[in-house]
């Protein structure tokens, strides 16, 4: 494996950064400590420009090459943790109750810091690198906020690349796919109103629990009977809450919520339209009323063909292989950056670990040299020194 020797040397130091971040997780945009650690290290490395507060708490560093051919490449890592109570038992476990790095963003940040340190030392490229450290990937849309802050135009970023660790893949191996990769992630809240009353007198009520139960089942007909079976769509109800907790009361109100995942615009439109029609129809059938709030969150994350082929070539140079990745129905707000600029997103193996978003998950530090090498090679191969 032609992992750069410098990253093997830096592994203990980068591991130390990663574990410090793991001990001190921060959620959504509240990455104040993490952002300061990142900014301080970028200045220590000698980055030519370090700017904080992009997309609220994001950090951007600029590293100029030995020559300036005018090309600018962006490299992005996410920084935020999840509201999960850690159960790993590791010595560097989260010191913040109810928060942990359960998706490996601590590893992503540490790997990009390692690449930034190396690129600041060597500068063996023709152009500029913009290292992007983003908050609030886990549902907050930090990528969108950084783009809306004008990041792409401010630094004239022409291409952008991102990476995520992947449990179940051999440590340091890679996989990628062109086109649609991660799903659009929408959320819904459905509020049903009936007429509550005594459970022993159902003839006097408009039963919202029966109404909601029918609705949960009927929503699955969107996938089984409305959607093109050759296309990917998930409709999941994840919460069912009534306005009464008593065993002998039929509640006045029921609130259900969940998520919709799709891979193209037609399926996204279909899901929203049919959810509205089905909800209104069932509420009317049972004599109740309904209010649905459907929120479109992250769009489909789609890799660009040319940049994907290039990213795969770089991965093969680093690890010897790069597999075709499967479609992922999870969301990823790197999608907003790929809507503004061509680029690609790749998966790096995390080994046989707990899955992401699990309380026993931990990033595998042995993947660091491969991840750092991929980012560094992206720069040096895409912008070879004149």
Protein backbone atom coordinates (compact mmCIF):
# COMPACT_ATOMS: atom_id res chain seq x y z
CA UNK A 1 0.00 0.00 0.00
CA UNK A 2 1.66 3.25 -1.10
CA UNK A 3 0.39 5.22 1.88
CA UNK A 4 2.60 8.24 2.25
CA UNK A 5 5.38 7.57 4.77
CA UNK A 6 4.79 10.95 6.38
CA UNK A 7 1.34 9.86 7.53
CA UNK A 8 2.72 6.69 9.08
CA UNK A 9 5.08 8.95 11.03
CA UNK A 10 2.26 11.29 11.97
CA UNK A 11 -0.15 8.52 12.99
CA UNK A 12 0.47 8.76 16.77
CA UNK A 13 0.02 12.55 16.68
CA UNK A 14 -3.10 12.46 14.52
CA UNK A 15 -4.53 9.68 16.71
CA UNK A 16 -4.00 11.91 19.72
CA UNK A 17 -5.95 14.72 18.01
CA UNK A 18 -8.73 12.30 17.08
CA UNK A 19 -9.11 10.93 20.59
CA UNK A 20 -9.15 14.42 22.09
CA UNK A 21 -12.00 15.30 19.72
CA UNK A 22 -13.73 12.05 20.66
CA UNK A 23 -13.55 12.93 24.35
CA UNK A 24 -15.09 16.33 23.71
CA UNK A 25 -18.01 15.87 21.30
CA UNK A 26 -20.15 18.82 20.26
CA UNK A 27 -23.52 18.70 18.51
CA UNK A 28 -24.80 20.50 15.40
CA UNK A 29 -23.54 24.12 15.27
CA UNK A 30 -22.27 24.14 18.86
CA UNK A 31 -18.79 23.06 17.76
CA UNK A 32 -17.06 25.98 19.47
CA UNK A 33 -14.26 23.99 21.12
CA UNK A 34 -13.77 21.77 18.08
CA UNK A 35 -13.68 24.75 15.71
CA UNK A 36 -11.11 26.49 17.90
CA UNK A 37 -8.92 23.38 18.04
CA UNK A 38 -9.09 23.11 14.24
CA UNK A 39 -8.35 26.81 13.64
CA UNK A 40 -5.45 26.82 16.10
CA UNK A 41 -3.87 23.78 14.45
CA UNK A 42 -4.26 25.21 10.95
CA UNK A 43 -2.46 28.37 12.09
CA UNK A 44 0.21 26.25 13.77
CA UNK A 45 0.72 24.35 10.49
CA UNK A 46 1.34 27.63 8.67
CA UNK A 47 -1.78 27.81 6.52
CA UNK A 48 -1.81 30.99 4.46
CA UNK A 49 -5.31 31.94 5.59
CA UNK A 50 -7.57 30.68 8.37
CA UNK A 51 -11.14 31.97 8.64
CA UNK A 52 -13.60 31.05 11.37
CA UNK A 53 -17.35 31.54 11.51
CA UNK A 54 -18.22 30.34 7.99
CA UNK A 55 -21.65 28.71 8.19
CA UNK A 56 -21.86 29.89 11.81
CA UNK A 57 -19.09 27.74 13.32
CA UNK A 58 -17.30 26.33 10.28
CA UNK A 59 -13.57 26.81 9.69
CA UNK A 60 -11.78 27.29 6.36
CA UNK A 61 -8.03 27.09 5.81
CA UNK A 62 -6.15 28.00 2.62
CA UNK A 63 -2.82 26.42 1.64
CA UNK A 64 -1.06 27.76 -1.43
CA UNK A 65 1.27 25.57 -3.47
CA UNK A 66 4.80 26.26 -4.59
CA UNK A 67 3.33 27.74 -7.75
CA UNK A 68 -0.09 29.20 -8.47
CA UNK A 69 -1.67 27.86 -11.62
CA UNK A 70 -5.02 29.27 -10.60
CA UNK A 71 -6.70 25.96 -9.77
CA UNK A 72 -8.41 25.65 -6.37
CA UNK A 73 -9.57 22.38 -4.80
CA UNK A 74 -11.72 22.08 -1.70
CA UNK A 75 -11.43 19.21 0.79
CA UNK A 76 -14.24 18.85 3.33
CA UNK A 77 -14.57 17.12 6.72
CA UNK A 78 -17.50 17.28 9.14
CA UNK A 79 -16.97 18.03 12.85
CA UNK A 80 -20.21 17.43 14.76
CA UNK A 81 -21.23 14.56 17.02
CA UNK A 82 -24.57 12.91 17.82
CA UNK A 83 -26.93 13.09 20.83
CA UNK A 84 -26.16 9.49 21.88
CA UNK A 85 -24.87 8.20 25.22
CA UNK A 86 -21.57 6.42 24.53
CA UNK A 87 -21.15 2.76 25.49
CA UNK A 88 -17.73 1.94 24.03
CA UNK A 89 -15.83 1.70 27.33
CA UNK A 90 -12.67 3.13 25.72
CA UNK A 91 -10.29 5.22 27.80
CA UNK A 92 -11.00 8.30 25.69
CA UNK A 93 -14.80 7.96 25.79
CA UNK A 94 -17.00 11.05 25.67
CA UNK A 95 -16.86 13.26 28.73
CA UNK A 96 -20.16 14.88 27.75
CA UNK A 97 -23.19 12.96 28.89
CA UNK A 98 -25.61 12.31 26.06
CA UNK A 99 -23.21 13.22 23.26
CA UNK A 100 -20.70 11.11 21.36
CA UNK A 101 -18.86 10.83 18.07
CA UNK A 102 -20.98 7.92 16.87
CA UNK A 103 -20.42 8.59 13.16
CA UNK A 104 -16.66 9.10 12.99
CA UNK A 105 -16.61 12.82 12.33
CA UNK A 106 -13.78 13.01 14.85
CA UNK A 107 -11.81 10.75 12.50
CA UNK A 108 -12.75 12.78 9.43
CA UNK A 109 -11.60 16.00 11.10
CA UNK A 110 -8.36 14.44 12.32
CA UNK A 111 -7.56 12.99 8.87
CA UNK A 112 -8.12 16.31 7.13
CA UNK A 113 -5.99 18.05 9.74
CA UNK A 114 -3.26 15.48 9.04
CA UNK A 115 -3.52 16.15 5.30
CA UNK A 116 -3.42 19.92 5.95
CA UNK A 117 -0.26 19.55 8.04
CA UNK A 118 1.44 17.54 5.30
CA UNK A 119 0.34 19.86 2.48
CA UNK A 120 1.49 22.90 4.47
CA UNK A 121 4.91 21.27 4.90
CA UNK A 122 5.44 20.11 1.32
CA UNK A 123 3.35 22.45 -0.88
CA UNK A 124 4.21 20.17 -3.79
CA UNK A 125 1.33 21.30 -5.98
CA UNK A 126 0.40 24.04 -8.42
CA UNK A 127 -2.61 25.94 -7.13
CA UNK A 128 -4.42 26.29 -3.80
CA UNK A 129 -6.13 23.92 -1.39
CA UNK A 130 -9.11 25.01 0.70
CA UNK A 131 -9.63 22.72 3.70
CA UNK A 132 -13.25 22.91 4.88
CA UNK A 133 -14.27 21.91 8.41
CA UNK A 134 -18.04 21.84 8.58
CA UNK A 135 -20.44 21.81 11.56
CA UNK A 136 -23.95 20.35 11.72
CA UNK A 137 -23.86 17.54 9.19
CA UNK A 138 -26.11 15.44 11.43
CA UNK A 139 -29.37 17.10 10.46
CA UNK A 140 -28.46 20.76 10.76
CA UNK A 141 -27.46 21.45 7.17
CA UNK A 142 -24.07 22.96 7.96
CA UNK A 143 -22.93 22.31 4.40
CA UNK A 144 -25.81 24.38 3.08
CA UNK A 145 -24.99 27.19 5.53
CA UNK A 146 -21.33 27.30 4.49
CA UNK A 147 -22.36 27.49 0.83
CA UNK A 148 -24.92 30.20 1.58
CA UNK A 149 -22.14 32.13 3.33
CA UNK A 150 -20.48 32.36 -0.09
CA UNK A 151 -17.64 29.94 0.61
CA UNK A 152 -17.35 28.59 -2.93
CA UNK A 153 -17.14 31.99 -4.59
CA UNK A 154 -15.08 33.65 -1.85
CA UNK A 155 -12.20 31.21 -2.36
CA UNK A 156 -12.95 30.38 -6.00
CA UNK A 157 -13.25 26.67 -5.24
CA UNK A 158 -13.47 24.76 -8.53
CA UNK A 159 -13.78 21.16 -7.32
CA UNK A 160 -14.63 19.69 -3.93
CA UNK A 161 -13.99 16.26 -2.38
CA UNK A 162 -15.28 14.55 0.75
CA UNK A 163 -14.87 11.26 2.60
CA UNK A 164 -16.74 9.10 5.12
CA UNK A 165 -15.60 6.07 7.07
CA UNK A 166 -17.56 2.86 6.47
CA UNK A 167 -17.88 0.03 9.03
CA UNK A 168 -17.83 -3.45 7.53
CA UNK A 169 -15.23 -2.58 4.89
CA UNK A 170 -11.57 -3.56 5.44
CA UNK A 171 -9.59 -0.83 7.15
CA UNK A 172 -8.14 1.62 4.65
CA UNK A 173 -9.96 0.21 1.61
CA UNK A 174 -12.13 2.46 -0.56
CA UNK A 175 -15.41 2.38 -2.48
CA UNK A 176 -17.24 4.96 -4.58
CA UNK A 177 -19.95 5.31 -7.23
CA UNK A 178 -20.80 7.96 -9.83
CA UNK A 179 -24.14 9.75 -9.85
CA UNK A 180 -26.73 9.42 -7.09
CA UNK A 181 -24.99 7.98 -4.02
CA UNK A 182 -26.73 9.12 -0.80
CA UNK A 183 -30.48 9.71 -0.60
CA UNK A 184 -32.53 12.85 -0.28
CA UNK A 185 -33.69 12.99 3.35
CA UNK A 186 -37.06 14.52 4.13
CA UNK A 187 -38.99 14.52 7.41
CA UNK A 188 -42.68 14.71 8.20
CA UNK A 189 -44.91 15.59 11.15
CA UNK A 190 -48.57 14.55 10.98
CA UNK A 191 -50.95 15.93 13.59
CA UNK A 192 -54.32 14.14 13.83
CA UNK A 193 -57.24 15.64 15.76
CA UNK A 194 -60.36 13.73 16.78
CA UNK A 195 -62.72 13.80 19.75
CA UNK A 196 -61.35 12.22 22.88
CA UNK A 197 -63.35 10.40 25.52
CA UNK A 198 -63.73 7.36 27.72
CA UNK A 199 -62.29 4.14 26.31
CA UNK A 200 -65.44 2.29 27.36
CA UNK A 201 -67.60 4.52 25.16
CA UNK A 202 -65.97 4.39 21.70
CA UNK A 203 -69.28 5.30 20.04
CA UNK A 204 -68.98 8.81 21.51
CA UNK A 205 -65.49 9.59 20.24
CA UNK A 206 -63.55 10.14 17.04
CA UNK A 207 -60.74 7.69 17.70
CA UNK A 208 -57.40 9.21 16.76
CA UNK A 209 -55.42 6.08 17.67
CA UNK A 210 -57.39 3.99 15.18
CA UNK A 211 -57.05 6.77 12.62
CA UNK A 212 -53.29 6.98 13.15
CA UNK A 213 -52.83 3.21 13.09
CA UNK A 214 -54.59 3.04 9.73
CA UNK A 215 -52.42 5.89 8.50
CA UNK A 216 -49.14 4.23 9.50
CA UNK A 217 -50.11 1.15 7.50
CA UNK A 218 -51.50 3.09 4.54
CA UNK A 219 -48.36 5.17 4.15
CA UNK A 220 -46.50 1.99 3.18
CA UNK A 221 -48.68 1.77 0.08
CA UNK A 222 -46.63 4.65 -1.34
CA UNK A 223 -43.67 2.29 -1.61
CA UNK A 224 -45.58 -0.88 -2.51
CA UNK A 225 -48.27 0.49 -4.83
CA UNK A 226 -47.39 4.01 -6.02
CA UNK A 227 -43.64 4.07 -6.57
CA UNK A 228 -41.90 2.58 -9.59
CA UNK A 229 -40.47 -0.67 -8.15
CA UNK A 230 -37.20 -0.12 -10.00
CA UNK A 231 -36.60 3.08 -8.04
CA UNK A 232 -35.45 3.50 -4.45
CA UNK A 233 -37.77 4.94 -1.81
CA UNK A 234 -38.19 4.48 1.94
CA UNK A 235 -41.10 5.76 4.04
CA UNK A 236 -40.57 5.18 7.76
CA UNK A 237 -42.79 6.24 10.66
CA UNK A 238 -40.47 6.57 13.64
CA UNK A 239 -42.61 8.13 16.37
CA UNK A 240 -46.25 7.68 17.51
CA UNK A 241 -47.33 9.88 20.42
CA UNK A 242 -50.81 10.41 21.85
CA UNK A 243 -52.08 13.30 23.95
CA UNK A 244 -53.06 10.90 26.75
CA UNK A 245 -51.01 8.28 28.58
CA UNK A 246 -53.98 6.79 30.48
CA UNK A 247 -55.14 3.22 29.83
CA UNK A 248 -58.82 4.20 29.80
CA UNK A 249 -58.79 7.35 27.67
CA UNK A 250 -59.09 7.63 23.90
CA UNK A 251 -56.88 10.64 23.15
CA UNK A 252 -57.95 13.84 21.44
CA UNK A 253 -54.74 14.08 19.42
CA UNK A 254 -52.05 11.88 17.94
CA UNK A 255 -48.73 13.06 16.52
CA UNK A 256 -46.73 10.79 14.23
CA UNK A 257 -43.47 11.62 12.55
CA UNK A 258 -40.83 10.00 10.43
CA UNK A 259 -38.62 10.22 7.39
CA UNK A 260 -38.75 9.72 3.62
CA UNK A 261 -35.68 8.73 1.60
CA UNK A 262 -35.56 8.96 -2.20
CA UNK A 263 -32.98 8.89 -4.97
CA UNK A 264 -34.58 11.14 -7.59
CA UNK A 265 -36.82 14.19 -7.85
CA UNK A 266 -39.86 12.34 -9.25
CA UNK A 267 -39.99 9.92 -6.31
CA UNK A 268 -39.53 12.82 -3.90
CA UNK A 269 -42.49 14.69 -5.41
CA UNK A 270 -44.58 11.52 -5.44
CA UNK A 271 -43.91 10.80 -1.78
CA UNK A 272 -44.90 14.27 -0.62
CA UNK A 273 -48.06 14.35 -2.75
CA UNK A 274 -49.29 10.89 -1.75
CA UNK A 275 -48.56 11.46 1.94
CA UNK A 276 -50.79 14.52 1.84
CA UNK A 277 -53.57 12.74 -0.04
CA UNK A 278 -53.51 9.62 2.15
CA UNK A 279 -53.43 11.60 5.41
CA UNK A 280 -56.34 13.82 4.40
CA UNK A 281 -58.33 10.86 3.11
CA UNK A 282 -57.97 8.76 6.26
CA UNK A 283 -58.69 11.69 8.57
CA UNK A 284 -61.88 12.46 6.62
CA UNK A 285 -62.93 8.80 6.60
CA UNK A 286 -62.79 8.59 10.40
CA UNK A 287 -64.30 12.03 11.00
CA UNK A 288 -61.15 13.75 12.17
CA UNK A 289 -58.84 16.44 10.87
CA UNK A 290 -55.16 16.40 9.95
CA UNK A 291 -52.28 18.81 9.55
CA UNK A 292 -49.14 17.59 7.83
CA UNK A 293 -45.80 19.36 7.82
CA UNK A 294 -43.46 17.93 5.18
CA UNK A 295 -39.92 19.32 5.22
CA UNK A 296 -37.41 18.75 2.46
CA UNK A 297 -33.98 18.51 4.03
CA UNK A 298 -30.86 17.25 2.28
CA UNK A 299 -31.08 16.68 -1.49
CA UNK A 300 -29.72 13.59 -3.22
CA UNK A 301 -25.95 13.57 -2.98
CA UNK A 302 -24.74 12.89 -6.51
CA UNK A 303 -21.09 12.42 -7.48
CA UNK A 304 -19.87 13.95 -10.74
CA UNK A 305 -18.62 11.44 -13.30
CA UNK A 306 -15.18 12.86 -14.13
CA UNK A 307 -14.27 13.63 -10.52
CA UNK A 308 -15.52 10.21 -9.39
CA UNK A 309 -13.30 8.43 -11.89
CA UNK A 310 -10.35 10.53 -10.77
CA UNK A 311 -11.11 9.94 -7.05
CA UNK A 312 -11.29 6.17 -7.70
CA UNK A 313 -7.93 6.24 -9.50
CA UNK A 314 -6.38 8.01 -6.52
CA UNK A 315 -7.94 5.47 -4.14
CA UNK A 316 -6.49 2.61 -6.16
CA UNK A 317 -3.07 4.27 -6.02
CA UNK A 318 -3.35 4.48 -2.23
CA UNK A 319 -4.90 1.09 -1.37
CA UNK A 320 -4.52 -1.00 -4.51
CA UNK A 321 -8.27 -1.26 -5.07
CA UNK A 322 -11.49 0.76 -5.11
CA UNK A 323 -14.79 -1.12 -5.15
CA UNK A 324 -18.12 0.00 -6.54
CA UNK A 325 -20.12 1.37 -3.61
CA UNK A 326 -23.80 0.52 -3.09
CA UNK A 327 -26.54 3.11 -3.01
CA UNK A 328 -26.93 4.49 0.50
CA UNK A 329 -30.38 5.52 1.77
CA UNK A 330 -28.79 7.62 4.50
CA UNK A 331 -28.40 11.35 3.92
CA UNK A 332 -25.31 13.50 3.55
CA UNK A 333 -25.26 17.29 3.36
CA UNK A 334 -22.09 17.30 1.28
CA UNK A 335 -24.85 17.20 -1.35
CA UNK A 336 -25.12 20.99 -1.12
CA UNK A 337 -21.44 21.43 -1.99
CA UNK A 338 -21.75 19.01 -4.92
CA UNK A 339 -24.70 21.03 -6.21
CA UNK A 340 -22.46 24.12 -6.36
CA UNK A 341 -19.26 22.54 -7.66
CA UNK A 342 -18.18 19.31 -9.37
CA UNK A 343 -16.59 16.80 -7.06
CA UNK A 344 -16.82 13.38 -5.46
CA UNK A 345 -17.43 11.67 -2.14
CA UNK A 346 -15.72 8.40 -1.21
CA UNK A 347 -16.00 5.75 1.53
CA UNK A 348 -12.96 4.50 3.47
CA UNK A 349 -13.11 1.23 5.37
CA UNK A 350 -13.43 1.30 9.17
CA UNK A 351 -13.10 -2.45 9.66
CA UNK A 352 -15.31 -4.82 11.63
CA UNK A 353 -16.81 -2.27 14.02
CA UNK A 354 -20.26 -1.36 15.30
CA UNK A 355 -22.30 0.53 12.69
CA UNK A 356 -22.40 4.31 12.64
CA UNK A 357 -25.00 5.96 14.91
CA UNK A 358 -24.59 3.09 17.40
CA UNK A 359 -23.54 3.72 21.04
CA UNK A 360 -20.70 1.18 20.70
CA UNK A 361 -19.28 2.63 17.47
CA UNK A 362 -15.72 4.00 17.39
CA UNK A 363 -13.57 5.28 14.54
CA UNK A 364 -10.61 3.01 13.71
CA UNK A 365 -7.37 4.98 14.00
CA UNK A 366 -5.52 2.56 11.70
CA UNK A 367 -7.56 4.02 8.81
CA UNK A 368 -5.95 7.44 9.29
CA UNK A 369 -2.89 7.00 6.99
CA UNK A 370 -5.05 5.82 4.09
CA UNK A 371 -7.55 8.67 4.50
CA UNK A 372 -4.84 11.31 4.80
CA UNK A 373 -2.99 9.88 1.81
CA UNK A 374 -6.13 9.97 -0.34
CA UNK A 375 -6.73 13.64 0.38
CA UNK A 376 -3.07 14.54 -0.20
CA UNK A 377 -2.95 12.55 -3.45
CA UNK A 378 -6.14 14.25 -4.68
CA UNK A 379 -4.28 17.55 -4.43
CA UNK A 380 -0.90 16.48 -5.78
CA UNK A 381 -2.32 14.52 -8.74
CA UNK A 382 -5.04 17.03 -9.65
CA UNK A 383 -2.68 20.00 -9.39
CA UNK A 384 0.81 18.61 -10.13
CA UNK A 385 3.66 20.98 -9.40
CA UNK A 386 4.82 22.86 -12.49
